[in-house]
Amino acid sequence: AVRSSDRPHCTMTTLEPENKGLPPQEKQTIKSVSIPSHKIIDGNVHYVVQVQGAFNAWCVLKRYSAFEEAHKEFMDSFKTSFPSGAVFPPKKLKLFQSHTSPEFIEERRVLLENYLRKLVAVKNLAQHSILTGFLTRGKQKLEVKEKQETMPEDVEITDVSIPATRIMSDHVLYQVDLANDKKRKTYSKWCVLKRFTQIWEMDQKLRASLADDIDALMTLPPAPQRKAKLLHDHMDPSFIESRRILLENYLKKLIKCHVAIRSLIVLEFLGVQ
């Protein structure tokens, strides 16, 4: 049985190598990579990895276990050249969380995508046979059916990012940079400092305000999940970086949600005046 998310996907036809006759230096170069969706095949989650090479595009289906094995090989081979920002999502025990729950799959998808993008951004790694081998093994046709996310008109925020964190004595502050590239009477760029708990509570408040409008509620992006301190060290650098990535992904989707970006709950929280 195969189930898939409604995003770009692969057909199940394996392709023959298409780089015959190309200059050696161009045969195996990865230009960009993304993980827009997933498929559940026989109860196992396969992530759809979309790859843009020097001359063509394709996709491969990869389970988390394949990523895990490749990561060990990358670490052994790249060593000192391995990018510090490439945080690999740790293995989670099924005892504490279902590996096929929508929230878990989305969190892992975002982190794996960021991990691959950090590797591909380093030229030497993007051309390395180990990485290109991983991203071409099981190469399949790419069928793009991606819905373009458009920014609502007349909004107060057009861009958001979390470029940095501030580690305090017992908590972490995330620096949320915001911008409005349209004409404004006041300012076009600003930032706010927020704890994870504050962002999570804002999300819960927003959902509560839409409790009577199921259709609107369904358009909200899933918020990053809370993690028990008993199982996770919230001050660990890898944990903080993973959470930063997830929060940034959440906020980027939130400002493209028509219901959310017009909500006073969201606007006031993000410092719009």
C-alpha atoms as a PDB file:
ATOM      1  CA  ALA A   1       0.000   0.000   0.000  1.00  0.00           C
ATOM      2  CA  VAL A   2       1.286   3.439  -0.945  1.00  0.00           C
ATOM      3  CA  ARG A   3       0.115   6.750   0.498  1.00  0.00           C
ATOM      4  CA  SER A   4       1.686  10.076  -0.346  1.00  0.00           C
ATOM      5  CA  SER A   5       1.414  13.728   0.569  1.00  0.00           C
ATOM      6  CA  ASP A   6      -0.061  16.112  -2.027  1.00  0.00           C
ATOM      7  CA  ARG A   7       3.193  17.609  -3.303  1.00  0.00           C
ATOM      8  CA  PRO A   8       5.787  16.902  -6.015  1.00  0.00           C
ATOM      9  CA  HIS A   9       6.357  13.179  -6.249  1.00  0.00           C
ATOM     10  CA  CYS A  10       8.300  10.480  -8.047  1.00  0.00           C
ATOM     11  CA  THR A  11       6.974   7.876 -10.408  1.00  0.00           C
ATOM     12  CA  MET A  12       8.119   4.363  -9.622  1.00  0.00           C
ATOM     13  CA  THR A  13      10.202   4.054 -12.807  1.00  0.00           C
ATOM     14  CA  THR A  14      13.957   3.837 -12.321  1.00  0.00           C
ATOM     15  CA  LEU A  15      15.886   5.830 -14.903  1.00  0.00           C
ATOM     16  CA  GLU A  16      18.994   4.890 -16.802  1.00  0.00           C
ATOM     17  CA  PRO A  17      22.078   7.085 -16.247  1.00  0.00           C
ATOM     18  CA  GLU A  18      21.762  10.287 -18.273  1.00  0.00           C
ATOM     19  CA  ASN A  19      25.249  11.704 -17.933  1.00  0.00           C
ATOM     20  CA  LYS A  20      27.041   9.744 -20.658  1.00  0.00           C
ATOM     21  CA  GLY A  21      29.261  11.933 -22.784  1.00  0.00           C
ATOM     22  CA  LEU A  22      29.296  14.848 -20.353  1.00  0.00           C
ATOM     23  CA  PRO A  23      32.609  16.328 -19.196  1.00  0.00           C
ATOM     24  CA  PRO A  24      33.894  14.386 -16.152  1.00  0.00           C
ATOM     25  CA  GLN A  25      33.667  17.399 -13.860  1.00  0.00           C
ATOM     26  CA  GLU A  26      30.002  17.887 -14.743  1.00  0.00           C
ATOM     27  CA  LYS A  27      28.876  14.263 -14.459  1.00  0.00           C
ATOM     28  CA  GLN A  28      28.109  14.340 -10.773  1.00  0.00           C
ATOM     29  CA  THR A  29      27.338  17.799  -9.473  1.00  0.00           C
ATOM     30  CA  ILE A  30      24.332  18.516  -7.268  1.00  0.00           C
ATOM     31  CA  LYS A  31      23.012  22.065  -7.676  1.00  0.00           C
ATOM     32  CA  SER A  32      20.100  21.981  -5.249  1.00  0.00           C
ATOM     33  CA  VAL A  33      18.011  19.570  -3.227  1.00  0.00           C
ATOM     34  CA  SER A  34      14.684  19.589  -1.411  1.00  0.00           C
ATOM     35  CA  ILE A  35      12.357  17.159   0.341  1.00  0.00           C
ATOM     36  CA  PRO A  36       8.883  18.451  -0.550  1.00  0.00           C
ATOM     37  CA  SER A  37       6.896  15.374   0.473  1.00  0.00           C
ATOM     38  CA  HIS A  38       6.836  11.774   1.616  1.00  0.00           C
ATOM     39  CA  LYS A  39       5.233   8.440   0.778  1.00  0.00           C
ATOM     40  CA  ILE A  40       4.152   5.691   3.136  1.00  0.00           C
ATOM     41  CA  ILE A  41       4.858   2.336   1.494  1.00  0.00           C
ATOM     42  CA  ASP A  42       3.913  -0.846   3.358  1.00  0.00           C
ATOM     43  CA  GLY A  43       3.849   1.059   6.628  1.00  0.00           C
ATOM     44  CA  ASN A  44       7.278   2.652   6.168  1.00  0.00           C
ATOM     45  CA  VAL A  45       7.921   6.350   5.547  1.00  0.00           C
ATOM     46  CA  HIS A  46       9.917   7.180   2.411  1.00  0.00           C
ATOM     47  CA  TYR A  47      10.991  10.798   1.924  1.00  0.00           C
ATOM     48  CA  VAL A  48      10.802  12.178  -1.617  1.00  0.00           C
ATOM     49  CA  VAL A  49      14.158  13.836  -2.280  1.00  0.00           C
ATOM     50  CA  GLN A  50      13.995  16.174  -5.272  1.00  0.00           C
ATOM     51  CA  VAL A  51      17.409  16.802  -6.848  1.00  0.00           C
ATOM     52  CA  GLN A  52      18.577  19.352  -9.413  1.00  0.00           C
ATOM     53  CA  GLY A  53      21.767  18.317 -11.170  1.00  0.00           C
ATOM     54  CA  ALA A  54      23.912  20.261 -13.611  1.00  0.00           C
ATOM     55  CA  PHE A  55      21.751  19.289 -16.590  1.00  0.00           C
ATOM     56  CA  ASN A  56      18.574  17.639 -15.323  1.00  0.00           C
ATOM     57  CA  ALA A  57      16.326  16.993 -12.336  1.00  0.00           C
ATOM     58  CA  TRP A  58      15.165  13.779 -10.704  1.00  0.00           C
ATOM     59  CA  CYS A  59      14.061  12.385  -7.379  1.00  0.00           C
ATOM     60  CA  VAL A  60      14.848   9.469  -5.106  1.00  0.00           C
ATOM     61  CA  LEU A  61      12.896   7.832  -2.301  1.00  0.00           C
ATOM     62  CA  LYS A  62      14.836   7.458   0.937  1.00  0.00           C
ATOM     63  CA  ARG A  63      13.906   6.038   4.324  1.00  0.00           C
ATOM     64  CA  TYR A  64      15.342   7.582   7.475  1.00  0.00           C
ATOM     65  CA  SER A  65      17.539   4.505   7.950  1.00  0.00           C
ATOM     66  CA  ALA A  66      19.190   5.193   4.561  1.00  0.00           C
ATOM     67  CA  PHE A  67      19.898   8.782   5.643  1.00  0.00           C
ATOM     68  CA  GLU A  68      21.333   7.501   8.910  1.00  0.00           C
ATOM     69  CA  GLU A  69      23.739   5.120   7.159  1.00  0.00           C
ATOM     70  CA  ALA A  70      24.767   7.820   4.669  1.00  0.00           C
ATOM     71  CA  HIS A  71      25.360  10.315   7.499  1.00  0.00           C
ATOM     72  CA  LYS A  72      27.844   7.956   9.158  1.00  0.00           C
ATOM     73  CA  GLU A  73      29.654   7.579   5.838  1.00  0.00           C
ATOM     74  CA  PHE A  74      29.652  11.363   5.283  1.00  0.00           C
ATOM     75  CA  MET A  75      31.117  11.966   8.742  1.00  0.00           C
ATOM     76  CA  ASP A  76      33.873   9.408   8.184  1.00  0.00           C
ATOM     77  CA  SER A  77      34.754  10.755   4.735  1.00  0.00           C
ATOM     78  CA  PHE A  78      34.306  14.526   5.078  1.00  0.00           C
ATOM     79  CA  LYS A  79      35.578  14.896   8.666  1.00  0.00           C
ATOM     80  CA  THR A  80      37.012  18.430   9.008  1.00  0.00           C
ATOM     81  CA  SER A  81      35.152  19.714   5.928  1.00  0.00           C
ATOM     82  CA  PHE A  82      31.748  18.665   7.278  1.00  0.00           C
ATOM     83  CA  PRO A  83      29.603  21.833   7.654  1.00  0.00           C
ATOM     84  CA  SER A  84      28.821  22.673  11.269  1.00  0.00           C
ATOM     85  CA  GLY A  85      25.279  23.772  10.407  1.00  0.00           C
ATOM     86  CA  ALA A  86      24.343  20.358   9.000  1.00  0.00           C
ATOM     87  CA  VAL A  87      22.490  18.955  12.001  1.00  0.00           C
ATOM     88  CA  PHE A  88      21.292  15.388  11.480  1.00  0.00           C
ATOM     89  CA  PRO A  89      17.968  14.622  13.200  1.00  0.00           C
ATOM     90  CA  PRO A  90      18.593  11.991  15.892  1.00  0.00           C
ATOM     91  CA  LYS A  91      16.875   8.646  15.966  1.00  0.00           C
ATOM     92  CA  LYS A  92      13.716   8.592  18.076  1.00  0.00           C
ATOM     93  CA  LEU A  93      12.412   5.609  20.017  1.00  0.00           C
ATOM     94  CA  LYS A  94       9.046   4.365  18.736  1.00  0.00           C
ATOM     95  CA  LEU A  95       8.111   3.767  22.370  1.00  0.00           C
ATOM     96  CA  PHE A  96       7.665   7.525  22.853  1.00  0.00           C
ATOM     97  CA  GLN A  97       6.358   8.676  19.454  1.00  0.00           C
ATOM     98  CA  SER A  98       4.792   7.129  16.357  1.00  0.00           C
ATOM     99  CA  HIS A  99       7.130   7.378  13.379  1.00  0.00           C
ATOM    100  CA  THR A 100       4.138   7.661  11.034  1.00  0.00           C
ATOM    101  CA  SER A 101       2.300  10.479  12.814  1.00  0.00           C
ATOM    102  CA  PRO A 102       1.891  13.590  10.581  1.00  0.00           C
ATOM    103  CA  GLU A 103       3.667  15.804  13.136  1.00  0.00           C
ATOM    104  CA  PHE A 104       6.659  13.486  13.440  1.00  0.00           C
ATOM    105  CA  ILE A 105       6.994  13.015   9.666  1.00  0.00           C
ATOM    106  CA  GLU A 106       6.830  16.777   9.019  1.00  0.00           C
ATOM    107  CA  GLU A 107       9.438  17.539  11.680  1.00  0.00           C
ATOM    108  CA  ARG A 108      11.814  14.919  10.331  1.00  0.00           C
ATOM    109  CA  ARG A 109      11.208  16.077   6.723  1.00  0.00           C
ATOM    110  CA  VAL A 110      12.138  19.673   7.542  1.00  0.00           C
ATOM    111  CA  LEU A 111      15.296  18.658   9.403  1.00  0.00           C
ATOM    112  CA  LEU A 112      16.453  16.200   6.736  1.00  0.00           C
ATOM    113  CA  GLU A 113      15.893  18.808   4.023  1.00  0.00           C
ATOM    114  CA  ASN A 114      17.943  21.392   5.913  1.00  0.00           C
ATOM    115  CA  TYR A 115      20.659  18.783   6.501  1.00  0.00           C
ATOM    116  CA  LEU A 116      20.980  17.960   2.790  1.00  0.00           C
ATOM    117  CA  ARG A 117      20.910  21.615   1.748  1.00  0.00           C
ATOM    118  CA  LYS A 118      23.794  22.396   4.096  1.00  0.00           C
ATOM    119  CA  LEU A 119      25.848  19.616   2.507  1.00  0.00           C
ATOM    120  CA  VAL A 120      25.025  20.608  -1.072  1.00  0.00           C
ATOM    121  CA  ALA A 121      25.916  24.246  -0.313  1.00  0.00           C
ATOM    122  CA  VAL A 122      29.564  23.186   0.092  1.00  0.00           C
ATOM    123  CA  LYS A 123      30.961  22.819  -3.441  1.00  0.00           C
ATOM    124  CA  ASN A 124      33.440  20.057  -2.649  1.00  0.00           C
ATOM    125  CA  LEU A 125      30.728  18.013  -0.970  1.00  0.00           C
ATOM    126  CA  ALA A 126      28.179  18.642  -3.731  1.00  0.00           C
ATOM    127  CA  GLN A 127      30.597  17.010  -6.171  1.00  0.00           C
ATOM    128  CA  HIS A 128      31.748  14.220  -3.857  1.00  0.00           C
ATOM    129  CA  SER A 129      31.014  10.714  -5.129  1.00  0.00           C
ATOM    130  CA  ILE A 130      29.597   9.595  -1.775  1.00  0.00           C
ATOM    131  CA  LEU A 131      26.965  12.340  -1.699  1.00  0.00           C
ATOM    132  CA  THR A 132      26.141  12.193  -5.405  1.00  0.00           C
ATOM    133  CA  GLY A 133      25.933   8.410  -5.171  1.00  0.00           C
ATOM    134  CA  PHE A 134      23.422   8.659  -2.335  1.00  0.00           C
ATOM    135  CA  LEU A 135      21.323  11.180  -4.273  1.00  0.00           C
ATOM    136  CA  THR A 136      21.347   9.258  -7.563  1.00  0.00           C
ATOM    137  CA  ARG A 137      20.916   5.683  -6.323  1.00  0.00           C
ATOM    138  CA  GLY A 138      17.390   4.607  -7.268  1.00  0.00           C
ATOM    139  CA  LYS A 139      16.924   7.660  -9.497  1.00  0.00           C
ATOM    140  CA  GLN A 140      13.298   8.145 -10.595  1.00  0.00           C
ATOM    141  CA  LYS A 141      11.257  10.416 -12.821  1.00  0.00           C
ATOM    142  CA  LEU A 142      10.221  13.712 -11.311  1.00  0.00           C
ATOM    143  CA  GLU A 143       6.647  14.860 -11.702  1.00  0.00           C
ATOM    144  CA  VAL A 144       6.192  18.370 -10.354  1.00  0.00           C
ATOM    145  CA  LYS A 145       2.685  19.128  -9.168  1.00  0.00           C
ATOM    146  CA  GLU A 146       3.613  21.631  -6.516  1.00  0.00           C
ATOM    147  CA  LYS A 147       1.080  24.188  -5.423  1.00  0.00           C
ATOM    148  CA  GLN A 148       2.681  27.605  -5.396  1.00  0.00           C
ATOM    149  CA  GLU A 149       2.245  29.364  -2.078  1.00  0.00           C
ATOM    150  CA  THR A 150       1.312  32.969  -2.688  1.00  0.00           C
ATOM    151  CA  MET A 151       1.546  35.809  -0.236  1.00  0.00           C
ATOM    152  CA  PRO A 152      -1.824  37.337   0.689  1.00  0.00           C
ATOM    153  CA  GLU A 153      -2.350  40.919  -0.480  1.00  0.00           C
ATOM    154  CA  ASP A 154      -1.950  43.901   1.865  1.00  0.00           C
ATOM    155  CA  VAL A 155      -0.137  42.028   4.613  1.00  0.00           C
ATOM    156  CA  GLU A 156       2.040  43.499   7.344  1.00  0.00           C
ATOM    157  CA  ILE A 157       4.810  40.877   7.096  1.00  0.00           C
ATOM    158  CA  THR A 158       6.370  39.641   3.849  1.00  0.00           C
ATOM    159  CA  ASP A 159       9.403  37.779   5.171  1.00  0.00           C
ATOM    160  CA  VAL A 160      10.524  36.095   8.374  1.00  0.00           C
ATOM    161  CA  SER A 161      13.638  34.250   9.481  1.00  0.00           C
ATOM    162  CA  ILE A 162      15.368  33.111  12.654  1.00  0.00           C
ATOM    163  CA  PRO A 163      19.054  33.782  11.941  1.00  0.00           C
ATOM    164  CA  ALA A 164      20.336  33.515  15.495  1.00  0.00           C
ATOM    165  CA  THR A 165      19.689  32.371  19.041  1.00  0.00           C
ATOM    166  CA  ARG A 166      20.664  33.779  22.415  1.00  0.00           C
ATOM    167  CA  ILE A 167      21.429  31.246  25.111  1.00  0.00           C
ATOM    168  CA  MET A 168      20.501  32.521  28.554  1.00  0.00           C
ATOM    169  CA  SER A 169      21.156  30.864  31.914  1.00  0.00           C
ATOM    170  CA  ASP A 170      18.105  28.587  31.830  1.00  0.00           C
ATOM    171  CA  HIS A 171      16.381  29.205  28.494  1.00  0.00           C
ATOM    172  CA  VAL A 172      16.950  30.092  24.847  1.00  0.00           C
ATOM    173  CA  LEU A 173      15.745  33.187  23.005  1.00  0.00           C
ATOM    174  CA  TYR A 174      15.171  32.948  19.253  1.00  0.00           C
ATOM    175  CA  GLN A 175      15.840  36.090  17.228  1.00  0.00           C
ATOM    176  CA  VAL A 176      12.921  36.468  14.829  1.00  0.00           C
ATOM    177  CA  ASP A 177      13.766  38.880  12.001  1.00  0.00           C
ATOM    178  CA  LEU A 178      10.764  40.284  10.139  1.00  0.00           C
ATOM    179  CA  ALA A 179      10.334  42.469   7.089  1.00  0.00           C
ATOM    180  CA  ASN A 180       7.737  44.153   4.932  1.00  0.00           C
ATOM    181  CA  ASP A 181       9.098  45.011   1.492  1.00  0.00           C
ATOM    182  CA  LYS A 182       5.996  47.027   0.640  1.00  0.00           C
ATOM    183  CA  LYS A 183       5.570  50.709   1.402  1.00  0.00           C
ATOM    184  CA  ARG A 184       4.902  51.396   5.069  1.00  0.00           C
ATOM    185  CA  LYS A 185       4.395  54.479   7.145  1.00  0.00           C
ATOM    186  CA  THR A 186       6.719  53.271   9.902  1.00  0.00           C
ATOM    187  CA  TYR A 187       9.499  50.702   9.524  1.00  0.00           C
ATOM    188  CA  SER A 188      10.225  47.916   7.028  1.00  0.00           C
ATOM    189  CA  LYS A 189      12.504  45.672   9.107  1.00  0.00           C
ATOM    190  CA  TRP A 190      12.442  44.742  12.773  1.00  0.00           C
ATOM    191  CA  CYS A 191      13.089  41.806  15.091  1.00  0.00           C
ATOM    192  CA  VAL A 192      11.626  40.263  18.230  1.00  0.00           C
ATOM    193  CA  LEU A 193      13.126  37.829  20.725  1.00  0.00           C
ATOM    194  CA  LYS A 194      10.929  34.883  21.655  1.00  0.00           C
ATOM    195  CA  ARG A 195      11.200  31.702  23.669  1.00  0.00           C
ATOM    196  CA  PHE A 196       9.896  28.458  22.178  1.00  0.00           C
ATOM    197  CA  THR A 197       7.164  28.351  24.811  1.00  0.00           C
ATOM    198  CA  GLN A 198       5.907  31.794  23.760  1.00  0.00           C
ATOM    199  CA  ILE A 199       5.661  30.756  20.103  1.00  0.00           C
ATOM    200  CA  TRP A 200       3.898  27.530  21.062  1.00  0.00           C
ATOM    201  CA  GLU A 201       1.427  29.393  23.282  1.00  0.00           C
ATOM    202  CA  MET A 202       0.721  31.902  20.486  1.00  0.00           C
ATOM    203  CA  ASP A 203      -0.069  29.003  18.167  1.00  0.00           C
ATOM    204  CA  GLN A 204      -2.430  27.465  20.725  1.00  0.00           C
ATOM    205  CA  LYS A 205      -4.176  30.802  21.240  1.00  0.00           C
ATOM    206  CA  LEU A 206      -4.592  31.217  17.473  1.00  0.00           C
ATOM    207  CA  ARG A 207      -6.081  27.731  17.151  1.00  0.00           C
ATOM    208  CA  ALA A 208      -8.468  28.378  20.028  1.00  0.00           C
ATOM    209  CA  SER A 209      -9.696  31.561  18.313  1.00  0.00           C
ATOM    210  CA  LEU A 210     -10.535  29.506  15.210  1.00  0.00           C
ATOM    211  CA  ALA A 211     -12.170  26.620  17.060  1.00  0.00           C
ATOM    212  CA  ASP A 212     -15.571  27.377  15.496  1.00  0.00           C
ATOM    213  CA  ASP A 213     -14.176  27.627  11.961  1.00  0.00           C
ATOM    214  CA  ILE A 214     -12.849  24.185  11.069  1.00  0.00           C
ATOM    215  CA  ASP A 215     -12.016  25.142   7.471  1.00  0.00           C
ATOM    216  CA  ALA A 216      -9.842  28.057   8.630  1.00  0.00           C
ATOM    217  CA  LEU A 217      -8.267  25.928  11.345  1.00  0.00           C
ATOM    218  CA  MET A 218      -7.224  23.318   8.788  1.00  0.00           C
ATOM    219  CA  THR A 219      -5.203  25.903   6.827  1.00  0.00           C
ATOM    220  CA  LEU A 220      -2.802  26.542   9.728  1.00  0.00           C
ATOM    221  CA  PRO A 221       0.639  24.926   9.485  1.00  0.00           C
ATOM    222  CA  PRO A 222       1.511  22.398  12.201  1.00  0.00           C
ATOM    223  CA  ALA A 223       3.444  23.955  15.051  1.00  0.00           C
ATOM    224  CA  PRO A 224       6.729  22.411  16.257  1.00  0.00           C
ATOM    225  CA  GLN A 225       6.081  19.879  18.984  1.00  0.00           C
ATOM    226  CA  ARG A 226       6.986  20.359  22.618  1.00  0.00           C
ATOM    227  CA  LYS A 227       9.755  18.059  23.867  1.00  0.00           C
ATOM    228  CA  ALA A 228       9.928  16.624  27.370  1.00  0.00           C
ATOM    229  CA  LYS A 229      13.042  17.783  29.219  1.00  0.00           C
ATOM    230  CA  LEU A 230      13.290  14.295  30.681  1.00  0.00           C
ATOM    231  CA  LEU A 231      14.138  12.979  27.183  1.00  0.00           C
ATOM    232  CA  HIS A 232      15.809  16.018  25.599  1.00  0.00           C
ATOM    233  CA  ASP A 233      18.516  18.399  26.778  1.00  0.00           C
ATOM    234  CA  HIS A 234      16.960  21.744  25.813  1.00  0.00           C
ATOM    235  CA  MET A 235      20.311  23.527  26.145  1.00  0.00           C
ATOM    236  CA  ASP A 236      22.190  21.140  23.862  1.00  0.00           C
ATOM    237  CA  PRO A 237      23.529  23.006  20.766  1.00  0.00           C
ATOM    238  CA  SER A 238      22.173  20.396  18.328  1.00  0.00           C
ATOM    239  CA  PHE A 239      18.744  20.508  19.959  1.00  0.00           C
ATOM    240  CA  ILE A 240      18.704  24.320  19.832  1.00  0.00           C
ATOM    241  CA  GLU A 241      19.700  24.349  16.153  1.00  0.00           C
ATOM    242  CA  SER A 242      17.060  21.759  15.253  1.00  0.00           C
ATOM    243  CA  ARG A 243      14.410  23.754  17.063  1.00  0.00           C
ATOM    244  CA  ARG A 244      15.545  26.972  15.325  1.00  0.00           C
ATOM    245  CA  ILE A 245      15.137  25.304  11.929  1.00  0.00           C
ATOM    246  CA  LEU A 246      11.676  23.990  12.806  1.00  0.00           C
ATOM    247  CA  LEU A 247      10.477  27.309  14.230  1.00  0.00           C
ATOM    248  CA  GLU A 248      11.693  29.223  11.173  1.00  0.00           C
ATOM    249  CA  ASN A 249       9.926  26.777   8.859  1.00  0.00           C
ATOM    250  CA  TYR A 250       6.727  27.144  10.909  1.00  0.00           C
ATOM    251  CA  LEU A 251       6.789  30.959  10.870  1.00  0.00           C
ATOM    252  CA  LYS A 252       7.515  31.099   7.127  1.00  0.00           C
ATOM    253  CA  LYS A 253       4.414  28.999   6.503  1.00  0.00           C
ATOM    254  CA  LEU A 254       2.385  30.963   9.031  1.00  0.00           C
ATOM    255  CA  ILE A 255       2.874  34.326   7.290  1.00  0.00           C
ATOM    256  CA  LYS A 256       1.667  32.766   4.024  1.00  0.00           C
ATOM    257  CA  CYS A 257      -1.519  31.544   5.684  1.00  0.00           C
ATOM    258  CA  HIS A 258      -4.312  34.029   4.895  1.00  0.00           C
ATOM    259  CA  VAL A 259      -6.116  33.445   8.183  1.00  0.00           C
ATOM    260  CA  ALA A 260      -3.009  33.705  10.365  1.00  0.00           C
ATOM    261  CA  ILE A 261      -1.367  36.763   8.817  1.00  0.00           C
ATOM    262  CA  ARG A 262      -4.523  38.822   9.356  1.00  0.00           C
ATOM    263  CA  SER A 263      -5.003  37.699  12.943  1.00  0.00           C
ATOM    264  CA  LEU A 264      -4.299  40.284  15.641  1.00  0.00           C
ATOM    265  CA  ILE A 265      -2.962  37.431  17.773  1.00  0.00           C
ATOM    266  CA  VAL A 266      -0.179  36.806  15.259  1.00  0.00           C
ATOM    267  CA  LEU A 267       0.462  40.434  14.324  1.00  0.00           C
ATOM    268  CA  GLU A 268       0.761  41.649  17.911  1.00  0.00           C
ATOM    269  CA  PHE A 269       2.949  38.690  18.834  1.00  0.00           C
ATOM    270  CA  LEU A 270       5.348  39.460  15.976  1.00  0.00           C
ATOM    271  CA  GLY A 271       5.606  43.128  16.887  1.00  0.00           C
ATOM    272  CA  VAL A 272       3.516  44.724  14.138  1.00  0.00           C
ATOM    273  CA  GLN A 273       2.483  48.221  15.222  1.00  0.00           C
END
